């Protein structure tokens, strides 16, 4: 890939989170049950925050950004969202729409001097190779201007995978000392690149609402999205899941994060709104 200009990269880079989401998708487990199973198998630490809250993946995303673009973002400025609030209901609705949910790290240039780096649970098309990365496996996909899409996959959690990576680093360091050879060259962070501003991110979104089961509510919500010039590509309106309430699920067209948040704030003020909206990213990875 040395001859390529990287158009962007994305990855499932935390094996623990991927194992949990895989269990939720495959056997309908809720988050807590899948997390406990991951701990029993040694895939999750007793303190699970680094894994399930996206922090470990964000650290890796920052390193990938440095390697790809020579820019190390300030960690506290990276938008990070974990999987703790992904419900089995969201997993089921995503499947009905033709998607799977993965904790995805995204790194991509925006113009000539800015880059977007983020980690968030994301809907991926079920036909995409990244959607087939299950269990503790990790994957990194790159898009080169000459090579096109390339994906690397391997185990990302557990004692065997961890010890393999550690021993490989130690062996390489010993070989370099023996041969008096320089180690891998890490790019120096510098230049004029910076992260895009909060709210500037543009993408597609999944939105799940809980509303009163009354006529006209769907039209009200659609009208609010329309007022912000946000198109709707798909709608799910399942039977009510509680007394007088019904979930409304929207798959939205491209919109800025700022426009979406404005629409969500207006929807929350509707008298028929029952609970805060659940928002997930959608990526087609093309």
Foldseek 3Di string as FASTA:
>chain_A
DVPFQWQWKKKQFQLLQQQQLQCCLPPVDWNVVSNVVCVVQQFADPPRCCRQQQVVVLVVQQQVCCQNPVARADSVQAATGGCPPPTSVNQVVLVVVQWGWGFMWIWGADPDAEIHTYTFTETEHCPDPNVVQHHQKMKMWIATPPPGIDMDMDGNGDDVVVVVVVVVVVVQVVVCVVVVHDDDDGRHHDDRHHYDDPQADKAKKKKKFKWFPDPPLVVVLCVLCVVLVKAWDDWDWDPDPDVRITMIMTTIGIDTSNSVVVSQVVSCPDPGTDDRMDMHGYDHPD
